[in-house]
């Protein structure tokens, strides 16, 4: 292979691994507990640029403040991002958003701790457009979702907090009985984000 073609191939292959300059830092409150849990998120700017930019813009505006986790399945996933969850009525939670959807950017597979956009089913959403704000975090690889949903980031710190949310008791709509809120979601320069220690392995 000619040198310039080899170089082009190298940069094309490694560009996929490029990382965003900022990390998303989420502070989560369980019920009325005073201690906030920290979750750190890596964003896949190359794989889902429009989705990531929208997520970052919502974070800058404080959109996610006080939004609750409204779906939880032990060992499978937790979901959040619906602004209707800031109200006391729970019956409509799961249907809200910022008033727009986003084009699908289906370029990554799911894994443990990946961020995936919510969306409506194929029968009413054949283009697989993503919710403007709702997302879920997979707690294990979910191959049945690969090629179906936009994956736009992954948890690199604090996954045990999301696993704890998934283990909480839920109502008949899979909504955690305890109100679990995002108190803040901010973008921080990568070098300024403290390392979140991994969860201790259970005996």
N, C-alpha and C. Protein backbone atom coordinates (compact mmCIF):
# COMPACT_ATOMS: atom_id res chain seq x y z
N UNK A 1 0.85 -1.19 0.00
CA UNK A 1 0.00 0.00 0.00
C UNK A 1 0.89 1.24 0.00
N UNK A 2 0.58 2.25 -0.83
CA UNK A 2 1.38 3.45 -0.90
C UNK A 2 1.33 4.20 0.43
N UNK A 3 2.44 4.93 0.76
CA UNK A 3 2.52 5.60 2.06
C UNK A 3 1.35 6.53 2.34
N UNK A 4 0.97 7.35 1.34
CA UNK A 4 -0.10 8.30 1.61
C UNK A 4 -1.44 7.60 1.79
N UNK A 5 -1.64 6.48 1.10
CA UNK A 5 -2.87 5.72 1.29
C UNK A 5 -2.88 5.05 2.67
N UNK A 6 -1.72 4.58 3.09
CA UNK A 6 -1.61 3.95 4.41
C UNK A 6 -1.91 4.98 5.50
N UNK A 7 -1.36 6.18 5.33
CA UNK A 7 -1.61 7.23 6.32
C UNK A 7 -3.08 7.61 6.36
N UNK A 8 -3.69 7.71 5.18
CA UNK A 8 -5.12 8.05 5.13
C UNK A 8 -5.95 6.99 5.83
N UNK A 9 -5.60 5.73 5.60
CA UNK A 9 -6.32 4.64 6.24
C UNK A 9 -6.16 4.69 7.75
N UNK A 10 -4.94 5.00 8.21
CA UNK A 10 -4.67 5.07 9.65
C UNK A 10 -5.52 6.15 10.31
N UNK A 11 -5.52 7.34 9.71
CA UNK A 11 -6.28 8.43 10.33
C UNK A 11 -7.78 8.18 10.26
N UNK A 12 -8.25 7.55 9.19
CA UNK A 12 -9.68 7.25 9.08
C UNK A 12 -10.10 6.24 10.13
N UNK A 13 -9.22 5.27 10.40
CA UNK A 13 -9.57 4.23 11.36
C UNK A 13 -9.48 4.73 12.78
N UNK A 14 -8.53 5.63 13.08
CA UNK A 14 -8.37 6.12 14.45
C UNK A 14 -9.30 7.29 14.74
N UNK A 15 -9.81 7.97 13.73
CA UNK A 15 -10.72 9.09 13.97
C UNK A 15 -11.95 8.62 14.73
N UNK A 16 -12.35 7.37 14.49
CA UNK A 16 -13.53 6.82 15.16
C UNK A 16 -13.33 6.78 16.67
N UNK A 17 -12.03 6.74 17.10
CA UNK A 17 -11.74 6.62 18.52
C UNK A 17 -11.56 7.98 19.18
N UNK A 18 -11.68 9.06 18.40
CA UNK A 18 -11.50 10.39 18.97
C UNK A 18 -12.53 10.64 20.05
N UNK A 19 -12.10 11.35 21.09
CA UNK A 19 -12.97 11.56 22.23
C UNK A 19 -13.36 13.02 22.33
N UNK A 20 -14.54 13.27 22.90
CA UNK A 20 -14.98 14.64 23.11
C UNK A 20 -14.07 15.32 24.13
N UNK A 21 -13.90 16.63 23.99
CA UNK A 21 -13.07 17.37 24.93
C UNK A 21 -13.70 17.43 26.31
N UNK A 22 -15.05 17.44 26.35
CA UNK A 22 -15.77 17.55 27.61
C UNK A 22 -16.37 16.22 28.02
N UNK A 23 -16.50 16.04 29.32
CA UNK A 23 -17.25 14.92 29.88
C UNK A 23 -18.52 15.47 30.50
N UNK A 24 -19.56 14.67 30.51
CA UNK A 24 -20.81 15.06 31.18
C UNK A 24 -20.78 14.49 32.59
N UNK A 25 -21.01 15.35 33.56
CA UNK A 25 -21.00 14.94 34.96
C UNK A 25 -22.40 15.10 35.53
N UNK A 26 -22.97 14.01 35.95
CA UNK A 26 -24.35 13.98 36.44
C UNK A 26 -24.34 13.76 37.96
N UNK A 27 -25.08 14.59 38.67
CA UNK A 27 -25.26 14.44 40.11
C UNK A 27 -26.69 13.94 40.37
N UNK A 28 -26.80 12.84 41.10
CA UNK A 28 -28.09 12.17 41.28
C UNK A 28 -28.45 12.09 42.75
N UNK A 29 -29.72 12.36 43.05
CA UNK A 29 -30.21 12.28 44.43
C UNK A 29 -31.25 11.17 44.56
N UNK A 30 -31.06 10.30 45.53
CA UNK A 30 -32.02 9.26 45.85
C UNK A 30 -32.97 9.78 46.93
N UNK A 31 -34.23 9.93 46.59
CA UNK A 31 -35.21 10.39 47.57
C UNK A 31 -34.78 11.70 48.21
N UNK A 32 -34.74 11.72 49.55
CA UNK A 32 -34.36 12.92 50.28
C UNK A 32 -32.93 12.84 50.83
N UNK A 33 -32.17 11.88 50.36
CA UNK A 33 -30.79 11.76 50.83
C UNK A 33 -30.00 13.02 50.46
N UNK A 34 -29.16 13.46 51.39
CA UNK A 34 -28.38 14.67 51.14
C UNK A 34 -27.17 14.42 50.26
N UNK A 35 -26.61 13.23 50.36
CA UNK A 35 -25.43 12.91 49.56
C UNK A 35 -25.82 12.67 48.10
N UNK A 36 -25.16 13.35 47.20
CA UNK A 36 -25.42 13.18 45.77
C UNK A 36 -24.42 12.19 45.19
N UNK A 37 -24.90 11.34 44.32
CA UNK A 37 -24.05 10.37 43.64
C UNK A 37 -23.58 10.95 42.31
N UNK A 38 -22.36 10.62 41.92
CA UNK A 38 -21.77 11.17 40.69
C UNK A 38 -21.67 10.10 39.61
N UNK A 39 -22.09 10.47 38.41
CA UNK A 39 -21.95 9.62 37.23
C UNK A 39 -21.22 10.42 36.17
N UNK A 40 -20.17 9.86 35.60
CA UNK A 40 -19.38 10.55 34.57
C UNK A 40 -19.59 9.87 33.23
N UNK A 41 -19.83 10.67 32.20
CA UNK A 41 -20.23 10.16 30.89
C UNK A 41 -19.27 10.63 29.80
N UNK A 42 -18.81 9.68 29.01
CA UNK A 42 -18.04 9.95 27.79
C UNK A 42 -19.02 10.05 26.64
N UNK A 43 -18.87 11.05 25.77
CA UNK A 43 -19.79 11.26 24.66
C UNK A 43 -19.14 10.87 23.33
N UNK A 44 -19.90 10.18 22.48
CA UNK A 44 -19.40 9.72 21.18
C UNK A 44 -19.68 10.77 20.11
N UNK A 45 -18.85 11.81 20.06
CA UNK A 45 -19.09 12.89 19.11
C UNK A 45 -18.96 12.43 17.67
N UNK A 46 -18.03 11.53 17.39
CA UNK A 46 -17.83 11.07 16.02
C UNK A 46 -18.98 10.20 15.54
N UNK A 47 -19.48 9.34 16.41
CA UNK A 47 -20.52 8.39 16.00
C UNK A 47 -21.89 9.02 15.92
N UNK A 48 -22.16 10.03 16.77
CA UNK A 48 -23.50 10.63 16.82
C UNK A 48 -23.37 12.13 17.07
N UNK A 49 -22.82 12.88 16.11
CA UNK A 49 -22.52 14.30 16.34
C UNK A 49 -23.74 15.16 16.65
N UNK A 50 -24.85 14.96 15.93
CA UNK A 50 -26.02 15.80 16.17
C UNK A 50 -26.67 15.46 17.50
N UNK A 51 -26.69 14.18 17.83
CA UNK A 51 -27.26 13.76 19.10
C UNK A 51 -26.44 14.30 20.26
N UNK A 52 -25.12 14.21 20.16
CA UNK A 52 -24.25 14.70 21.22
C UNK A 52 -24.37 16.20 21.37
N UNK A 53 -24.39 16.94 20.26
CA UNK A 53 -24.49 18.39 20.35
C UNK A 53 -25.82 18.80 20.99
N UNK A 54 -26.90 18.10 20.67
CA UNK A 54 -28.19 18.38 21.29
C UNK A 54 -28.14 18.11 22.79
N UNK A 55 -27.54 16.97 23.18
CA UNK A 55 -27.41 16.61 24.59
C UNK A 55 -26.61 17.68 25.34
N UNK A 56 -25.52 18.13 24.74
CA UNK A 56 -24.68 19.14 25.37
C UNK A 56 -25.42 20.47 25.49
N UNK A 57 -26.19 20.82 24.47
CA UNK A 57 -26.94 22.07 24.52
C UNK A 57 -28.00 22.03 25.63
N UNK A 58 -28.70 20.89 25.77
CA UNK A 58 -29.67 20.76 26.85
C UNK A 58 -28.98 20.85 28.21
N UNK A 59 -27.81 20.23 28.31
CA UNK A 59 -27.07 20.29 29.57
C UNK A 59 -26.68 21.73 29.90
N UNK A 60 -26.23 22.47 28.91
CA UNK A 60 -25.84 23.87 29.14
C UNK A 60 -27.02 24.70 29.62
N UNK A 61 -28.21 24.39 29.14
CA UNK A 61 -29.41 25.14 29.51
C UNK A 61 -29.98 24.71 30.86
N UNK A 62 -29.44 23.64 31.45
CA UNK A 62 -29.99 23.14 32.70
C UNK A 62 -31.28 22.36 32.52
N UNK A 63 -31.50 21.85 31.30
CA UNK A 63 -32.75 21.15 30.99
C UNK A 63 -32.98 19.94 31.90
N UNK A 64 -31.92 19.22 32.24
CA UNK A 64 -32.08 17.96 32.97
C UNK A 64 -32.21 18.13 34.48
N UNK A 65 -32.11 19.35 34.99
CA UNK A 65 -32.19 19.57 36.43
C UNK A 65 -33.53 19.09 36.98
N UNK A 66 -33.47 18.23 37.97
CA UNK A 66 -34.63 17.69 38.70
C UNK A 66 -35.45 16.68 37.90
N UNK A 67 -35.01 16.32 36.71
CA UNK A 67 -35.70 15.27 35.96
C UNK A 67 -35.41 13.92 36.62
N UNK A 68 -36.43 13.06 36.67
CA UNK A 68 -36.32 11.79 37.38
C UNK A 68 -35.98 10.62 36.45
N UNK A 69 -35.49 9.56 37.05
CA UNK A 69 -35.39 8.29 36.35
C UNK A 69 -36.77 7.64 36.43
N UNK A 70 -37.38 7.43 35.27
CA UNK A 70 -38.78 6.98 35.28
C UNK A 70 -39.00 5.54 34.81
N UNK A 71 -37.92 4.86 34.44
CA UNK A 71 -38.01 3.43 34.12
C UNK A 71 -36.77 2.75 34.67
N UNK A 72 -36.97 1.56 35.23
CA UNK A 72 -35.84 0.83 35.81
C UNK A 72 -36.11 -0.66 35.73
N UNK A 73 -35.13 -1.38 35.17
CA UNK A 73 -35.21 -2.83 35.06
C UNK A 73 -33.90 -3.40 35.60
N UNK A 74 -33.96 -4.16 36.70
CA UNK A 74 -32.73 -4.64 37.33
C UNK A 74 -31.80 -5.37 36.36
N UNK A 75 -30.56 -4.91 36.33
CA UNK A 75 -29.55 -5.54 35.50
C UNK A 75 -29.71 -5.31 34.02
N UNK A 76 -30.68 -4.50 33.63
CA UNK A 76 -30.96 -4.30 32.19
C UNK A 76 -30.76 -2.84 31.78
N UNK A 77 -31.57 -1.92 32.32
CA UNK A 77 -31.44 -0.52 31.93
C UNK A 77 -32.17 0.39 32.92
N UNK A 78 -31.82 1.68 32.85
CA UNK A 78 -32.56 2.74 33.53
C UNK A 78 -32.77 3.85 32.50
N UNK A 79 -33.91 4.55 32.62
CA UNK A 79 -34.24 5.59 31.63
C UNK A 79 -34.61 6.89 32.33
N UNK A 80 -34.27 8.01 31.69
CA UNK A 80 -34.55 9.33 32.21
C UNK A 80 -34.70 10.31 31.05
N UNK A 81 -34.84 11.60 31.36
CA UNK A 81 -34.86 12.62 30.32
C UNK A 81 -36.22 13.19 29.98
N UNK A 82 -37.28 12.78 30.71
CA UNK A 82 -38.62 13.29 30.42
C UNK A 82 -38.92 14.47 31.36
N UNK A 83 -39.10 15.68 30.81
CA UNK A 83 -39.37 16.84 31.67
C UNK A 83 -40.69 16.74 32.43
N UNK A 84 -41.60 15.88 31.96
CA UNK A 84 -42.87 15.71 32.68
C UNK A 84 -42.66 15.08 34.05
N UNK A 85 -41.51 14.47 34.27
CA UNK A 85 -41.26 13.80 35.55
C UNK A 85 -41.01 14.79 36.69
N UNK A 86 -40.85 16.07 36.37
CA UNK A 86 -40.65 17.06 37.44
C UNK A 86 -41.97 17.42 38.10
N UNK A 87 -43.08 16.97 37.53
CA UNK A 87 -44.40 17.23 38.12
C UNK A 87 -44.77 16.07 39.04
N UNK A 88 -45.81 16.26 39.83
CA UNK A 88 -46.20 15.23 40.79
C UNK A 88 -46.94 14.07 40.12
N UNK A 89 -47.70 14.36 39.06
CA UNK A 89 -48.45 13.30 38.38
C UNK A 89 -47.49 12.44 37.57
N UNK A 90 -47.63 11.13 37.72
CA UNK A 90 -46.74 10.21 37.02
C UNK A 90 -47.38 9.57 35.78
N UNK A 91 -48.67 9.73 35.60
CA UNK A 91 -49.37 8.98 34.57
C UNK A 91 -48.89 9.30 33.16
N UNK A 92 -48.42 10.53 32.90
CA UNK A 92 -48.01 10.92 31.56
C UNK A 92 -46.50 10.84 31.34
N UNK A 93 -45.76 10.52 32.38
CA UNK A 93 -44.30 10.48 32.26
C UNK A 93 -43.89 9.36 31.30
N UNK A 94 -42.98 9.71 30.43
CA UNK A 94 -42.55 8.80 29.38
C UNK A 94 -42.94 9.30 28.01
N UNK A 95 -43.81 10.32 27.98
CA UNK A 95 -44.28 10.86 26.70
C UNK A 95 -43.72 12.25 26.42
N UNK A 96 -42.97 12.81 27.35
CA UNK A 96 -42.52 14.19 27.21
C UNK A 96 -41.16 14.34 26.54
N UNK A 97 -40.85 15.58 26.22
CA UNK A 97 -39.57 15.90 25.58
C UNK A 97 -39.48 17.39 25.35
N UNK A 98 -38.48 17.85 24.61
CA UNK A 98 -38.29 19.27 24.35
C UNK A 98 -39.16 19.82 23.21
N UNK A 99 -39.93 18.94 22.56
CA UNK A 99 -40.80 19.39 21.48
C UNK A 99 -40.27 19.10 20.09
N UNK A 100 -39.24 18.28 19.98
CA UNK A 100 -38.67 17.92 18.68
C UNK A 100 -38.02 16.55 18.80
N UNK A 101 -37.74 15.96 17.64
CA UNK A 101 -36.99 14.71 17.60
C UNK A 101 -35.70 14.94 16.80
N UNK A 102 -34.85 13.92 16.78
CA UNK A 102 -33.55 14.03 16.10
C UNK A 102 -33.41 12.90 15.09
N UNK A 103 -32.68 13.13 14.00
CA UNK A 103 -32.45 12.06 13.03
C UNK A 103 -31.63 10.93 13.65
N UNK A 104 -31.89 9.71 13.20
CA UNK A 104 -31.15 8.56 13.70
C UNK A 104 -29.68 8.66 13.32
N UNK A 105 -28.81 8.25 14.25
CA UNK A 105 -27.37 8.15 14.00
C UNK A 105 -26.93 6.79 14.54
N UNK A 106 -27.27 5.76 13.81
CA UNK A 106 -27.09 4.39 14.29
C UNK A 106 -25.75 3.87 13.80
N UNK A 107 -24.73 4.06 14.62
CA UNK A 107 -23.36 3.71 14.24
C UNK A 107 -22.61 2.89 15.29
N UNK A 108 -23.17 2.74 16.46
CA UNK A 108 -22.50 2.04 17.55
C UNK A 108 -23.37 0.94 18.12
N UNK A 109 -22.72 -0.07 18.70
CA UNK A 109 -23.44 -1.13 19.38
C UNK A 109 -23.61 -0.79 20.85
N UNK A 110 -24.57 -1.43 21.48
CA UNK A 110 -24.75 -1.26 22.92
C UNK A 110 -23.70 -2.06 23.68
N UNK A 111 -23.51 -1.69 24.91
CA UNK A 111 -22.60 -2.41 25.80
C UNK A 111 -22.98 -2.09 27.23
N UNK A 112 -22.20 -2.51 28.17
CA UNK A 112 -22.47 -2.19 29.56
C UNK A 112 -22.19 -0.71 29.81
N UNK A 113 -23.21 0.03 30.18
CA UNK A 113 -23.06 1.45 30.47
C UNK A 113 -23.20 2.38 29.28
N UNK A 114 -23.73 1.92 28.16
CA UNK A 114 -23.88 2.82 27.01
C UNK A 114 -25.15 3.65 27.12
N UNK A 115 -25.07 4.90 26.62
CA UNK A 115 -26.21 5.80 26.57
C UNK A 115 -26.90 5.64 25.22
N UNK A 116 -28.20 5.45 25.26
CA UNK A 116 -28.99 5.17 24.05
C UNK A 116 -30.20 6.10 24.05
N UNK A 117 -30.48 6.73 22.92
CA UNK A 117 -31.64 7.61 22.86
C UNK A 117 -32.94 6.80 22.87
N UNK A 118 -33.95 7.31 23.56
CA UNK A 118 -35.27 6.72 23.47
C UNK A 118 -35.90 7.08 22.13
N UNK A 119 -36.90 6.35 21.73
CA UNK A 119 -37.62 6.68 20.50
C UNK A 119 -38.94 5.94 20.45
N UNK A 120 -39.81 6.37 19.53
CA UNK A 120 -41.08 5.69 19.32
C UNK A 120 -40.87 4.45 18.46
N UNK A 121 -41.80 3.49 18.53
CA UNK A 121 -41.65 2.23 17.78
C UNK A 121 -41.62 2.42 16.26
N UNK A 122 -41.12 1.41 15.57
CA UNK A 122 -40.97 1.46 14.11
C UNK A 122 -42.29 1.70 13.38
N UNK A 123 -43.38 1.15 13.91
CA UNK A 123 -44.64 1.25 13.17
C UNK A 123 -45.14 2.68 13.04
N UNK A 124 -44.75 3.55 13.97
CA UNK A 124 -45.12 4.97 13.85
C UNK A 124 -43.88 5.85 13.67
N UNK A 125 -42.71 5.25 13.63
CA UNK A 125 -41.46 5.98 13.50
C UNK A 125 -40.48 5.17 12.65
N UNK A 126 -40.83 4.93 11.37
CA UNK A 126 -39.99 4.06 10.53
C UNK A 126 -38.58 4.60 10.31
N UNK A 127 -38.40 5.92 10.43
CA UNK A 127 -37.06 6.51 10.26
C UNK A 127 -36.21 6.36 11.52
N UNK A 128 -36.83 5.83 12.60
CA UNK A 128 -36.13 5.60 13.87
C UNK A 128 -35.53 6.88 14.43
N UNK A 129 -36.27 7.97 14.29
CA UNK A 129 -35.83 9.24 14.85
C UNK A 129 -35.80 9.15 16.38
N UNK A 130 -34.84 9.84 16.95
CA UNK A 130 -34.62 9.77 18.40
C UNK A 130 -35.41 10.83 19.14
N UNK A 131 -35.72 10.53 20.39
CA UNK A 131 -36.29 11.53 21.29
C UNK A 131 -35.32 12.69 21.43
N UNK A 132 -35.87 13.88 21.61
CA UNK A 132 -35.01 15.05 21.77
C UNK A 132 -34.30 15.11 23.11
N UNK A 133 -34.78 14.35 24.12
CA UNK A 133 -34.13 14.44 25.43
C UNK A 133 -34.09 13.12 26.20
N UNK A 134 -35.00 12.20 25.93
CA UNK A 134 -35.02 10.96 26.71
C UNK A 134 -33.91 10.00 26.26
N UNK A 135 -33.31 9.37 27.24
CA UNK A 135 -32.29 8.36 26.94
C UNK A 135 -32.30 7.30 28.03
N UNK A 136 -31.73 6.17 27.70
CA UNK A 136 -31.57 5.13 28.72
C UNK A 136 -30.12 4.65 28.72
N UNK A 137 -29.74 4.06 29.83
CA UNK A 137 -28.40 3.51 29.99
C UNK A 137 -28.51 2.00 30.12
N UNK A 138 -27.84 1.30 29.24
CA UNK A 138 -27.88 -0.17 29.28
C UNK A 138 -26.90 -0.67 30.34
N UNK A 139 -27.34 -1.62 31.12
CA UNK A 139 -26.50 -2.19 32.17
C UNK A 139 -25.86 -3.50 31.75
N UNK A 140 -26.06 -3.86 30.49
CA UNK A 140 -25.44 -5.02 29.88
C UNK A 140 -25.53 -4.85 28.38
N UNK A 141 -24.76 -5.56 27.58
CA UNK A 141 -24.94 -5.49 26.12
C UNK A 141 -26.35 -5.96 25.75
N UNK A 142 -26.96 -5.24 24.81
CA UNK A 142 -28.31 -5.58 24.37
C UNK A 142 -28.32 -5.72 22.85
N UNK A 143 -27.85 -6.83 22.32
CA UNK A 143 -27.72 -6.99 20.86
C UNK A 143 -29.04 -6.82 20.11
N UNK A 144 -30.16 -7.06 20.78
CA UNK A 144 -31.45 -6.87 20.10
C UNK A 144 -31.71 -5.41 19.77
N UNK A 145 -30.98 -4.48 20.40
CA UNK A 145 -31.12 -3.06 20.11
C UNK A 145 -30.08 -2.56 19.11
N UNK A 146 -29.06 -3.36 18.84
CA UNK A 146 -28.01 -2.94 17.91
C UNK A 146 -28.60 -2.76 16.52
N UNK A 147 -28.25 -1.65 15.89
CA UNK A 147 -28.79 -1.35 14.57
C UNK A 147 -30.20 -0.79 14.60
N UNK A 148 -30.72 -0.57 15.81
CA UNK A 148 -32.10 -0.10 15.96
C UNK A 148 -32.18 1.28 16.63
N UNK A 149 -31.18 1.59 17.45
CA UNK A 149 -31.20 2.81 18.25
C UNK A 149 -29.88 3.56 18.11
N UNK A 150 -29.93 4.86 18.40
CA UNK A 150 -28.73 5.69 18.39
C UNK A 150 -28.01 5.55 19.73
N UNK A 151 -26.77 5.13 19.69
CA UNK A 151 -25.91 5.04 20.88
C UNK A 151 -24.98 6.24 20.83
N UNK A 152 -24.95 7.06 21.91
CA UNK A 152 -24.20 8.31 21.82
C UNK A 152 -23.23 8.54 22.96
N UNK A 153 -23.02 7.58 23.83
CA UNK A 153 -22.06 7.77 24.90
C UNK A 153 -21.96 6.55 25.79
N UNK A 154 -21.12 6.65 26.81
CA UNK A 154 -20.99 5.56 27.76
C UNK A 154 -20.59 6.10 29.13
N UNK A 155 -20.98 5.39 30.15
CA UNK A 155 -20.65 5.74 31.53
C UNK A 155 -19.24 5.25 31.81
N UNK A 156 -18.37 6.16 32.25
CA UNK A 156 -16.99 5.78 32.57
C UNK A 156 -16.71 5.91 34.06
N UNK A 157 -17.71 6.33 34.82
CA UNK A 157 -17.57 6.42 36.27
C UNK A 157 -18.94 6.47 36.92
N UNK A 158 -19.13 5.69 37.98
CA UNK A 158 -20.39 5.73 38.70
C UNK A 158 -21.46 4.79 38.18
N UNK A 159 -21.08 3.78 37.42
CA UNK A 159 -22.07 2.84 36.90
C UNK A 159 -22.82 2.15 38.04
N UNK A 160 -22.16 1.96 39.18
CA UNK A 160 -22.81 1.31 40.31
C UNK A 160 -24.03 2.10 40.79
N UNK A 161 -24.00 3.43 40.62
CA UNK A 161 -25.15 4.24 41.00
C UNK A 161 -26.35 3.91 40.13
N UNK A 162 -26.13 3.74 38.83
CA UNK A 162 -27.23 3.39 37.93
C UNK A 162 -27.73 1.98 38.18
N UNK A 163 -26.81 1.09 38.53
CA UNK A 163 -27.22 -0.27 38.89
C UNK A 163 -28.09 -0.25 40.14
N UNK A 164 -27.77 0.65 41.08
CA UNK A 164 -28.57 0.78 42.29
C UNK A 164 -29.96 1.31 41.97
N UNK A 165 -30.05 2.24 41.02
CA UNK A 165 -31.36 2.75 40.60
C UNK A 165 -32.19 1.61 40.02
N UNK A 166 -31.57 0.80 39.18
CA UNK A 166 -32.28 -0.31 38.54
C UNK A 166 -32.79 -1.32 39.56
N UNK A 167 -32.13 -1.40 40.72
CA UNK A 167 -32.52 -2.38 41.74
C UNK A 167 -33.60 -1.85 42.68
N UNK A 168 -33.96 -0.58 42.55
CA UNK A 168 -34.99 0.00 43.42
C UNK A 168 -36.37 -0.61 43.13
N UNK A 169 -37.22 -0.72 44.15
CA UNK A 169 -38.61 -1.16 43.92
C UNK A 169 -39.32 -0.21 42.96
N UNK A 170 -40.15 -0.75 42.08
CA UNK A 170 -40.87 0.05 41.09
C UNK A 170 -42.37 -0.18 41.19
N UNK A 171 -43.14 0.72 40.58
CA UNK A 171 -44.60 0.54 40.52
C UNK A 171 -44.95 -0.28 39.29
N UNK A 172 -46.23 -0.34 38.95
CA UNK A 172 -46.68 -1.18 37.84
C UNK A 172 -46.21 -0.67 36.48
N UNK A 173 -45.71 0.57 36.43
CA UNK A 173 -45.19 1.14 35.19
C UNK A 173 -43.66 1.12 35.14
N UNK A 174 -43.05 0.34 36.02
CA UNK A 174 -41.58 0.22 36.09
C UNK A 174 -40.92 1.52 36.50
N UNK A 175 -41.67 2.37 37.19
CA UNK A 175 -41.20 3.66 37.67
C UNK A 175 -40.71 3.47 39.11
N UNK A 176 -39.46 3.82 39.43
CA UNK A 176 -39.00 3.66 40.82
C UNK A 176 -39.94 4.37 41.79
N UNK A 177 -40.32 3.66 42.84
CA UNK A 177 -41.21 4.24 43.84
C UNK A 177 -40.55 5.43 44.51
N UNK A 178 -39.28 5.29 44.85
CA UNK A 178 -38.51 6.40 45.41
C UNK A 178 -38.18 7.37 44.28
N UNK A 179 -38.40 8.65 44.53
CA UNK A 179 -38.07 9.64 43.50
C UNK A 179 -36.56 9.81 43.42
N UNK A 180 -36.01 9.52 42.25
CA UNK A 180 -34.57 9.59 42.04
C UNK A 180 -34.33 10.62 40.95
N UNK A 181 -33.71 11.73 41.32
CA UNK A 181 -33.61 12.90 40.45
C UNK A 181 -32.19 13.18 40.00
N UNK A 182 -32.10 13.77 38.80
CA UNK A 182 -30.84 14.37 38.34
C UNK A 182 -30.81 15.78 38.92
N UNK A 183 -29.95 16.02 39.87
CA UNK A 183 -29.87 17.35 40.46
C UNK A 183 -29.10 18.32 39.57
N UNK A 184 -28.15 17.80 38.82
CA UNK A 184 -27.45 18.63 37.85
C UNK A 184 -26.79 17.73 36.82
N UNK A 185 -26.62 18.27 35.62
CA UNK A 185 -25.89 17.59 34.56
C UNK A 185 -25.10 18.67 33.85
N UNK A 186 -23.78 18.62 34.05
CA UNK A 186 -22.92 19.68 33.53
C UNK A 186 -21.81 19.11 32.67
N UNK A 187 -21.30 19.96 31.78
CA UNK A 187 -20.15 19.60 30.96
C UNK A 187 -18.90 20.14 31.63
N UNK A 188 -17.91 19.28 31.79
CA UNK A 188 -16.67 19.66 32.45
C UNK A 188 -15.48 19.28 31.57
N UNK A 189 -14.43 20.11 31.54
CA UNK A 189 -13.23 19.74 30.79
C UNK A 189 -12.68 18.41 31.30
N UNK A 190 -12.26 17.58 30.38
CA UNK A 190 -11.83 16.24 30.73
C UNK A 190 -10.79 16.22 31.85
N UNK A 191 -9.82 17.11 31.79
CA UNK A 191 -8.76 17.09 32.77
C UNK A 191 -9.16 17.55 34.15
N UNK A 192 -10.36 18.13 34.28
CA UNK A 192 -10.80 18.66 35.56
C UNK A 192 -11.81 17.77 36.27
N UNK A 193 -12.18 16.67 35.64
CA UNK A 193 -13.16 15.77 36.24
C UNK A 193 -12.46 14.77 37.14
N UNK A 194 -12.80 14.74 38.44
CA UNK A 194 -12.17 13.77 39.34
C UNK A 194 -12.56 12.35 38.98
N UNK A 195 -11.66 11.43 39.23
CA UNK A 195 -11.93 10.03 38.95
C UNK A 195 -12.96 9.50 39.93
N UNK A 196 -14.00 8.84 39.41
CA UNK A 196 -15.01 8.22 40.25
C UNK A 196 -14.59 6.77 40.47
N UNK A 197 -14.31 6.36 41.71
CA UNK A 197 -13.85 4.99 41.92
C UNK A 197 -14.91 3.98 41.54
N UNK A 198 -14.50 2.83 41.00
CA UNK A 198 -15.47 1.79 40.65
C UNK A 198 -16.10 1.20 41.89
N UNK A 199 -17.25 0.57 41.68
CA UNK A 199 -17.93 -0.08 42.79
C UNK A 199 -17.12 -1.26 43.29
N UNK A 200 -17.20 -1.53 44.58
CA UNK A 200 -16.51 -2.69 45.12
C UNK A 200 -17.24 -3.95 44.68
N UNK A 201 -16.47 -4.97 44.35
CA UNK A 201 -17.08 -6.23 43.93
C UNK A 201 -17.73 -6.90 45.13
N UNK A 202 -18.99 -7.39 44.97
CA UNK A 202 -19.65 -8.06 46.09
C UNK A 202 -18.97 -9.38 46.42
N UNK A 203 -19.01 -9.74 47.67
CA UNK A 203 -18.42 -11.00 48.09
C UNK A 203 -19.25 -12.15 47.57
